Amino acid sequence: MTNTNTETKSTIYTKTKLKISILHMVLELILLGVGAFTISKPLYQLLSPIIKNDYVLLLAFFAAFGGLLSIILLPLEFYQSYIVEHKFGLSNQTVFDWCIEELKSLLVSIIIGLPLILLFYYLIKITPLWWLYFAIVVFIFAIILAKVAPVLIFPLFYKFTPIDNDALKSSLTELMQKHGLYVTGLFSFNMSKDTKKANAAFTGLGKTRRIILSDTMLNEFSVNEIKTVFAHELGHYVYKHIIKNIVLSGIVIVVSFYVCSYLYEITLYSVGYSSRFDIAALPLLIFYLSIFSLLLMPLLNTLSRYYEKQADVYALKVTGDPQSFISTMEKLAAMNLSQKEQHPVIEFLLYSHPTIAKRIELAKNYRVPTS
């Protein structure tokens, strides 16, 4: 396929995915709003005569409410993550594979969410400062999850194996040692079972900290290109982006719960609910949290793009190889069908990374220091 054909395909793919993502966000918000204001109370009235224990009733209510929303959104999610991916030749999944992955995601969400929901309801019943205590719990839980996810959750979805390319291992290990980075290992994961796309990440905290590279990347990228990707991830470590994001997420969680709890408590009585821990009223709180998170998204994405640019500059500085950086971006764009340029408004609202075009331009303008 020629570069022109690939770029045309990438543009169509990106626009298709963006339209579906925006539709999904809007539809989910509408469904939450409609559910909170019209469906929630009748659903509670249906379940409450049957289930007397408040905590069991809470779980049954959210299973029914969340299940209904999920069923309505399921066709759109299937179209987005299966039909579109196959249409553009990116997916390696069968329908059965897709269903299994979705079921695994659902089970993980239930296992993680169940204790949080129960604790949330306990706190909202006993104290008006529930929002602060629960925000602290969520923040601590997020840190624990970031630490254990690489060893407990990620392996449920992918098989991880130590990288056995000696030349690559030597190159990356040298780079790590030079900059004082300790990780428990360099791992490849079988991303090709699901997709032809490529990816890499710096995951975990403390003793679970590791670099993971997709097998698609290892198969298609040169040692210098992978070194560029690795140096970018190293940049996040050197600039302490992970620590900064953890602190920021704590602030965002506390502010979000404070603002939304205030809106919740001043409006719940006017729409016919009796108390803040009225189970039927809780979707209203979720509705406010969803709106607030959407409002924060552009600001958080702006900060994320700044961090990504810092990591890009660091990768160029460490490797001194702008040409490999450019070829890496070109390959990522081609493999992931990423549109190289984007309207500034779309980038501001929805992009967590600078566009490929901007990243390539950064490398073209970079001047390797002369000794």
Protein backbone atom coordinates (compact mmCIF):
# COMPACT_ATOMS: atom_id res chain seq x y z
CA MET A 1 0.00 0.00 0.00
CA THR A 2 1.42 3.43 -0.94
CA ASN A 3 1.95 6.19 1.62
CA THR A 4 -0.89 8.20 0.07
CA ASN A 5 -3.30 5.28 0.36
CA THR A 6 -2.21 4.61 3.94
CA GLU A 7 -2.69 8.25 4.94
CA THR A 8 -6.12 8.35 3.29
CA LYS A 9 -7.10 5.17 5.11
CA SER A 10 -5.73 6.58 8.38
CA THR A 11 -7.77 9.76 7.98
CA ILE A 12 -10.99 7.84 7.36
CA TYR A 13 -10.27 5.45 10.24
CA THR A 14 -9.47 8.26 12.69
CA LYS A 15 -12.57 10.24 11.75
CA THR A 16 -14.73 7.13 12.07
CA LYS A 17 -13.34 6.30 15.52
CA LEU A 18 -13.69 9.91 16.69
CA LYS A 19 -17.31 10.13 15.59
CA ILE A 20 -18.16 6.87 17.34
CA SER A 21 -16.27 7.88 20.51
CA ILE A 22 -18.08 11.21 20.68
CA LEU A 23 -21.41 9.50 20.01
CA HIS A 24 -20.65 6.99 22.76
CA MET A 25 -19.82 9.74 25.28
CA VAL A 26 -22.94 11.75 24.44
CA LEU A 27 -25.22 8.72 24.42
CA GLU A 28 -23.82 7.43 27.71
CA LEU A 29 -24.39 10.84 29.32
CA ILE A 30 -27.95 11.03 27.97
CA LEU A 31 -28.72 7.52 29.19
CA LEU A 32 -27.33 8.33 32.64
CA GLY A 33 -29.41 11.50 32.81
CA VAL A 34 -32.58 9.80 31.62
CA GLY A 35 -31.94 6.89 33.96
CA ALA A 36 -31.30 9.14 36.96
CA PHE A 37 -34.41 11.26 36.44
CA THR A 38 -36.93 8.72 35.11
CA ILE A 39 -35.90 5.06 35.52
CA SER A 40 -34.09 5.06 38.85
CA LYS A 41 -37.09 5.52 41.16
CA PRO A 42 -39.38 2.91 39.48
CA LEU A 43 -36.48 0.43 39.46
CA TYR A 44 -35.92 0.97 43.18
CA GLN A 45 -39.65 0.58 43.87
CA LEU A 46 -39.59 -2.69 41.96
CA LEU A 47 -36.66 -4.14 43.91
CA SER A 48 -37.14 -2.76 47.45
CA PRO A 49 -40.19 -4.90 48.41
CA ILE A 50 -38.23 -8.03 47.46
CA ILE A 51 -34.82 -7.21 49.01
CA LYS A 52 -34.77 -5.96 52.60
CA ASN A 53 -31.02 -5.63 53.25
CA ASP A 54 -29.82 -2.18 52.12
CA TYR A 55 -26.43 -3.40 50.88
CA VAL A 56 -27.85 -6.32 48.91
CA LEU A 57 -30.49 -3.96 47.51
CA LEU A 58 -27.72 -1.52 46.52
CA LEU A 59 -25.87 -4.23 44.58
CA ALA A 60 -29.05 -5.51 42.92
CA PHE A 61 -30.06 -1.97 41.97
CA PHE A 62 -26.72 -1.15 40.34
CA ALA A 63 -26.54 -4.54 38.65
CA ALA A 64 -29.93 -3.83 37.04
CA PHE A 65 -29.28 -0.14 36.32
CA GLY A 66 -25.74 -0.68 35.00
CA GLY A 67 -26.78 -3.80 33.12
CA LEU A 68 -29.54 -1.92 31.32
CA LEU A 69 -27.16 0.86 30.25
CA SER A 70 -24.54 -1.66 29.13
CA ILE A 71 -27.04 -3.60 27.02
CA ILE A 72 -28.16 -0.40 25.27
CA LEU A 73 -24.54 0.64 24.59
CA LEU A 74 -23.32 -2.85 23.64
CA PRO A 75 -24.12 -2.65 19.89
CA LEU A 76 -22.20 0.63 19.59
CA GLU A 77 -19.24 -0.79 21.52
CA PHE A 78 -19.22 -3.91 19.34
CA TYR A 79 -19.30 -1.76 16.21
CA GLN A 80 -16.50 0.46 17.51
CA SER A 81 -14.11 -2.20 18.80
CA TYR A 82 -14.86 -5.10 16.47
CA ILE A 83 -16.62 -4.13 13.23
CA VAL A 84 -14.59 -0.97 12.56
CA GLU A 85 -11.30 -2.65 13.49
CA HIS A 86 -12.00 -5.49 11.05
CA LYS A 87 -13.23 -3.12 8.36
CA PHE A 88 -9.85 -1.36 8.39
CA GLY A 89 -7.84 -4.59 8.65
CA LEU A 90 -6.51 -4.00 12.16
CA SER A 91 -8.20 -6.69 14.25
CA ASN A 92 -7.12 -10.32 14.59
CA GLN A 93 -10.02 -11.21 16.89
CA THR A 94 -12.91 -13.54 16.17
CA VAL A 95 -16.34 -12.70 17.61
CA PHE A 96 -15.71 -15.37 20.25
CA ASP A 97 -12.36 -13.76 21.17
CA TRP A 98 -14.05 -10.36 21.48
CA CYS A 99 -16.77 -11.76 23.74
CA ILE A 100 -14.22 -13.49 25.99
CA GLU A 101 -12.18 -10.28 26.39
CA GLU A 102 -15.33 -8.30 27.20
CA LEU A 103 -16.39 -10.88 29.78
CA LYS A 104 -12.97 -10.79 31.41
CA SER A 105 -13.11 -6.99 31.56
CA LEU A 106 -16.58 -7.18 33.11
CA LEU A 107 -15.47 -9.68 35.76
CA VAL A 108 -12.41 -7.59 36.67
CA SER A 109 -14.63 -4.48 36.95
CA ILE A 110 -17.06 -6.32 39.22
CA ILE A 111 -14.30 -7.67 41.49
CA ILE A 112 -12.73 -4.21 41.79
CA GLY A 113 -15.98 -2.27 41.96
CA LEU A 114 -17.92 -4.40 44.43
CA PRO A 115 -16.00 -3.48 47.62
CA LEU A 116 -15.79 0.16 46.53
CA ILE A 117 -19.56 0.41 46.03
CA LEU A 118 -20.25 -1.15 49.43
CA LEU A 119 -17.72 1.09 51.18
CA PHE A 120 -19.10 4.14 49.38
CA TYR A 121 -22.62 3.40 50.60
CA TYR A 122 -21.41 2.80 54.16
CA LEU A 123 -19.63 6.18 54.19
CA ILE A 124 -22.50 8.14 52.64
CA LYS A 125 -24.82 6.75 55.33
CA ILE A 126 -22.66 7.60 58.35
CA THR A 127 -21.03 10.98 57.61
CA PRO A 128 -21.65 14.21 55.66
CA LEU A 129 -17.92 14.14 54.84
CA TRP A 130 -18.38 10.91 52.89
CA TRP A 131 -17.05 12.58 49.73
CA LEU A 132 -13.68 13.32 51.37
CA TYR A 133 -13.22 9.90 52.95
CA PHE A 134 -14.27 8.08 49.81
CA ALA A 135 -12.02 10.25 47.62
CA ILE A 136 -9.08 9.33 49.87
CA VAL A 137 -9.99 5.64 49.63
CA VAL A 138 -10.26 5.82 45.83
CA PHE A 139 -6.89 7.59 45.63
CA ILE A 140 -5.15 4.97 47.79
CA PHE A 141 -6.89 2.18 45.91
CA ALA A 142 -5.71 3.64 42.58
CA ILE A 143 -2.09 3.59 43.79
CA ILE A 144 -2.42 -0.03 44.93
CA LEU A 145 -4.04 -0.95 41.62
CA ALA A 146 -1.22 0.71 39.65
CA LYS A 147 1.25 -1.39 41.63
CA VAL A 148 -0.47 -4.77 41.31
CA ALA A 149 -2.02 -4.45 37.83
CA PRO A 150 1.13 -5.57 35.93
CA VAL A 151 1.32 -8.83 37.89
CA LEU A 152 -2.34 -9.59 38.66
CA ILE A 153 -4.56 -7.97 36.01
CA PHE A 154 -2.59 -7.53 32.77
CA PRO A 155 -1.67 -11.26 32.60
CA LEU A 156 -5.39 -12.06 32.46
CA PHE A 157 -5.46 -10.44 29.02
CA TYR A 158 -1.96 -10.99 27.61
CA LYS A 159 0.93 -13.40 27.95
CA PHE A 160 4.14 -11.68 29.08
CA THR A 161 7.56 -13.11 28.27
CA PRO A 162 11.04 -11.67 28.95
CA ILE A 163 12.58 -10.09 25.85
CA ASP A 164 15.16 -12.53 24.45
CA ASN A 165 16.79 -10.28 21.83
CA ASP A 166 20.28 -9.91 23.31
CA ALA A 167 21.23 -6.87 21.23
CA LEU A 168 18.03 -5.08 22.20
CA LYS A 169 18.30 -6.06 25.87
CA SER A 170 21.89 -4.84 26.00
CA SER A 171 20.99 -1.52 24.38
CA LEU A 172 18.02 -0.86 26.66
CA THR A 173 19.80 -2.05 29.82
CA GLU A 174 22.72 0.28 29.10
CA LEU A 175 20.27 3.17 28.70
CA MET A 176 18.56 2.33 32.00
CA GLN A 177 21.79 2.01 33.96
CA LYS A 178 23.09 5.26 32.55
CA HIS A 179 20.06 7.12 33.91
CA GLY A 180 19.59 5.24 37.17
CA LEU A 181 16.34 3.50 36.29
CA TYR A 182 15.48 0.23 38.00
CA VAL A 183 12.81 -2.05 36.56
CA THR A 184 12.01 -5.68 37.33
CA GLY A 185 12.25 -6.63 33.68
CA LEU A 186 11.76 -5.96 29.99
CA PHE A 187 8.77 -7.88 28.70
CA SER A 188 7.08 -8.62 25.42
CA PHE A 189 3.32 -9.19 25.34
CA ASN A 190 1.27 -10.92 22.65
CA MET A 191 -0.74 -7.94 21.44
CA SER A 192 -0.88 -9.58 17.99
CA LYS A 193 -3.55 -12.01 19.23
CA ASP A 194 -5.98 -9.08 19.17
CA THR A 195 -4.63 -6.47 16.78
CA LYS A 196 -1.99 -5.48 14.24
CA LYS A 197 -1.35 -2.24 16.13
CA ALA A 198 1.83 -1.59 18.13
CA ASN A 199 2.28 -0.25 21.64
CA ALA A 200 4.70 0.09 24.54
CA ALA A 201 4.35 1.25 28.12
CA PHE A 202 6.09 1.85 31.41
CA THR A 203 3.88 0.11 33.99
CA GLY A 204 3.83 -0.61 37.69
CA LEU A 205 5.24 1.03 40.80
CA GLY A 206 8.19 0.05 42.97
CA LYS A 207 9.05 -3.64 42.63
CA THR A 208 6.45 -4.18 39.88
CA ARG A 209 7.86 -1.43 37.65
CA ARG A 210 8.54 -2.80 34.18
CA ILE A 211 8.78 -1.91 30.50
CA ILE A 212 6.39 -3.77 28.20
CA LEU A 213 6.65 -3.86 24.40
CA SER A 214 4.10 -5.42 22.09
CA ASP A 215 5.25 -8.33 19.93
CA THR A 216 4.02 -6.35 16.92
CA MET A 217 6.53 -3.62 17.77
CA LEU A 218 9.39 -6.08 18.33
CA ASN A 219 8.67 -7.70 14.96
CA GLU A 220 8.44 -4.50 12.91
CA PHE A 221 10.75 -1.96 14.55
CA SER A 222 14.54 -1.78 14.44
CA VAL A 223 16.68 -1.77 17.59
CA ASN A 224 17.24 1.99 17.23
CA GLU A 225 13.51 2.62 16.81
CA ILE A 226 12.67 0.56 19.90
CA LYS A 227 15.43 2.39 21.74
CA THR A 228 13.66 5.63 20.80
CA VAL A 229 10.36 4.34 22.21
CA PHE A 230 12.15 3.17 25.35
CA ALA A 231 13.91 6.52 25.78
CA HIS A 232 10.52 8.25 25.55
CA GLU A 233 9.19 6.05 28.37
CA LEU A 234 12.39 6.72 30.30
CA GLY A 235 11.66 10.44 29.92
CA HIS A 236 8.41 9.99 31.83
CA TYR A 237 10.41 8.43 34.66
CA VAL A 238 13.13 11.10 34.69
CA TYR A 239 10.60 13.95 34.72
CA LYS A 240 8.60 12.15 37.44
CA HIS A 241 5.43 12.26 35.35
CA ILE A 242 4.06 9.15 37.05
CA ILE A 243 4.44 10.70 40.53
CA LYS A 244 3.01 14.00 39.31
CA ASN A 245 0.04 12.22 37.75
CA ILE A 246 -0.62 10.32 40.97
CA VAL A 247 -0.64 13.58 42.97
CA LEU A 248 -2.80 15.28 40.34
CA SER A 249 -5.24 12.38 40.26
CA GLY A 250 -5.61 12.69 44.04
CA ILE A 251 -6.44 16.39 43.72
CA VAL A 252 -8.86 15.75 40.84
CA ILE A 253 -10.62 12.97 42.76
CA VAL A 254 -11.11 15.13 45.87
CA VAL A 255 -12.28 18.18 43.89
CA SER A 256 -14.60 16.08 41.72
CA PHE A 257 -16.28 14.43 44.70
CA TYR A 258 -16.57 17.75 46.56
CA VAL A 259 -18.16 19.64 43.66
CA CYS A 260 -20.45 16.80 42.63
CA SER A 261 -21.50 15.99 46.20
CA TYR A 262 -22.50 19.65 46.61
CA LEU A 263 -24.57 19.60 43.40
CA TYR A 264 -26.04 16.27 44.41
CA GLU A 265 -27.15 17.36 47.87
CA ILE A 266 -28.71 20.67 46.74
CA THR A 267 -30.73 19.03 43.96
CA LEU A 268 -31.75 15.59 45.20
CA TYR A 269 -34.65 16.85 47.33
CA SER A 270 -36.06 18.97 44.51
CA VAL A 271 -36.34 15.88 42.29
CA GLY A 272 -38.16 13.89 44.92
CA TYR A 273 -35.51 11.97 46.87
CA SER A 274 -35.55 11.81 50.66
CA SER A 275 -31.85 11.67 51.62
CA ARG A 276 -28.34 11.58 50.22
CA PHE A 277 -28.17 7.81 50.79
CA ASP A 278 -31.45 7.10 49.00
CA ILE A 279 -30.31 4.30 46.67
CA ALA A 280 -32.55 5.52 43.86
CA ALA A 281 -30.85 8.93 43.98
CA LEU A 282 -27.29 7.65 43.51
CA PRO A 283 -27.38 7.59 39.66
CA LEU A 284 -27.85 11.37 39.93
CA LEU A 285 -24.45 11.61 41.63
CA ILE A 286 -22.89 9.43 38.92
CA PHE A 287 -24.46 11.70 36.30
CA TYR A 288 -22.83 14.78 37.88
CA LEU A 289 -19.47 13.02 38.16
CA SER A 290 -19.64 12.05 34.47
CA ILE A 291 -20.35 15.63 33.41
CA PHE A 292 -17.55 16.97 35.59
CA SER A 293 -15.03 14.45 34.23
CA LEU A 294 -15.92 15.48 30.67
CA LEU A 295 -15.40 19.14 31.56
CA LEU A 296 -11.99 18.33 33.03
CA MET A 297 -10.90 16.20 30.07
CA PRO A 298 -9.51 19.04 27.88
CA LEU A 299 -7.43 20.42 30.76
CA LEU A 300 -6.03 17.02 31.69
CA ASN A 301 -5.33 16.24 28.03
CA THR A 302 -3.44 19.54 27.69
CA LEU A 303 -1.20 18.59 30.61
CA SER A 304 -0.76 15.08 29.18
CA ARG A 305 0.36 16.48 25.81
CA TYR A 306 2.88 18.68 27.62
CA TYR A 307 4.28 15.65 29.43
CA GLU A 308 4.44 13.68 26.18
CA LYS A 309 6.34 16.49 24.47
CA GLN A 310 8.80 16.58 27.37
CA ALA A 311 9.34 12.83 26.99
CA ASP A 312 9.81 13.21 23.23
CA VAL A 313 12.46 15.91 23.70
CA TYR A 314 14.18 13.71 26.27
CA ALA A 315 14.20 10.75 23.87
CA LEU A 316 15.79 12.91 21.17
CA LYS A 317 18.38 14.22 23.63
CA VAL A 318 19.29 10.78 25.00
CA THR A 319 19.47 8.93 21.68
CA GLY A 320 20.77 11.80 19.57
CA ASP A 321 18.97 10.10 16.70
CA PRO A 322 16.14 12.23 15.28
CA GLN A 323 15.96 10.07 12.16
CA SER A 324 15.05 6.97 14.16
CA PHE A 325 12.50 9.07 16.06
CA ILE A 326 10.90 10.14 12.77
CA SER A 327 10.85 6.60 11.37
CA THR A 328 9.34 5.37 14.66
CA MET A 329 6.51 7.91 14.41
CA GLU A 330 5.95 7.02 10.75
CA LYS A 331 5.70 3.31 11.57
CA LEU A 332 3.37 3.91 14.51
CA ALA A 333 1.14 6.07 12.34
CA ALA A 334 1.02 3.40 9.63
CA MET A 335 0.51 0.42 11.96
CA ASN A 336 -2.10 2.13 14.16
CA LEU A 337 -3.72 4.06 11.29
CA SER A 338 -3.19 7.30 13.18
CA GLN A 339 -4.09 10.47 11.31
CA LYS A 340 -0.93 12.58 11.32
CA GLU A 341 -2.64 15.96 11.50
CA GLN A 342 -5.76 16.99 13.38
CA HIS A 343 -7.91 20.08 13.82
CA PRO A 344 -6.56 22.06 16.81
CA VAL A 345 -9.95 22.03 18.56
CA ILE A 346 -10.22 18.23 18.31
CA GLU A 347 -6.64 17.88 19.53
CA PHE A 348 -7.32 20.22 22.47
CA LEU A 349 -10.50 18.42 23.51
CA LEU A 350 -9.68 14.76 22.92
CA TYR A 351 -5.97 14.06 22.34
CA SER A 352 -3.73 12.96 25.21
CA HIS A 353 -0.68 12.97 22.88
CA PRO A 354 0.52 15.58 20.38
CA THR A 355 -0.37 14.69 16.80
CA ILE A 356 2.10 12.57 14.86
CA ALA A 357 2.79 15.54 12.57
CA LYS A 358 3.82 17.72 15.52
CA ARG A 359 6.03 14.99 16.94
CA ILE A 360 7.76 14.50 13.59
CA GLU A 361 8.19 18.26 13.21
CA LEU A 362 9.78 18.38 16.66
CA ALA A 363 12.35 15.78 15.59
CA LYS A 364 13.05 17.53 12.28
CA ASN A 365 13.79 20.77 14.12
CA TYR A 366 15.93 19.08 16.77
CA ARG A 367 19.63 19.80 16.51
CA VAL A 368 22.00 17.15 17.83
CA PRO A 369 24.63 18.86 20.02
CA THR A 370 28.10 18.79 18.50
CA SER A 371 30.94 17.68 20.74
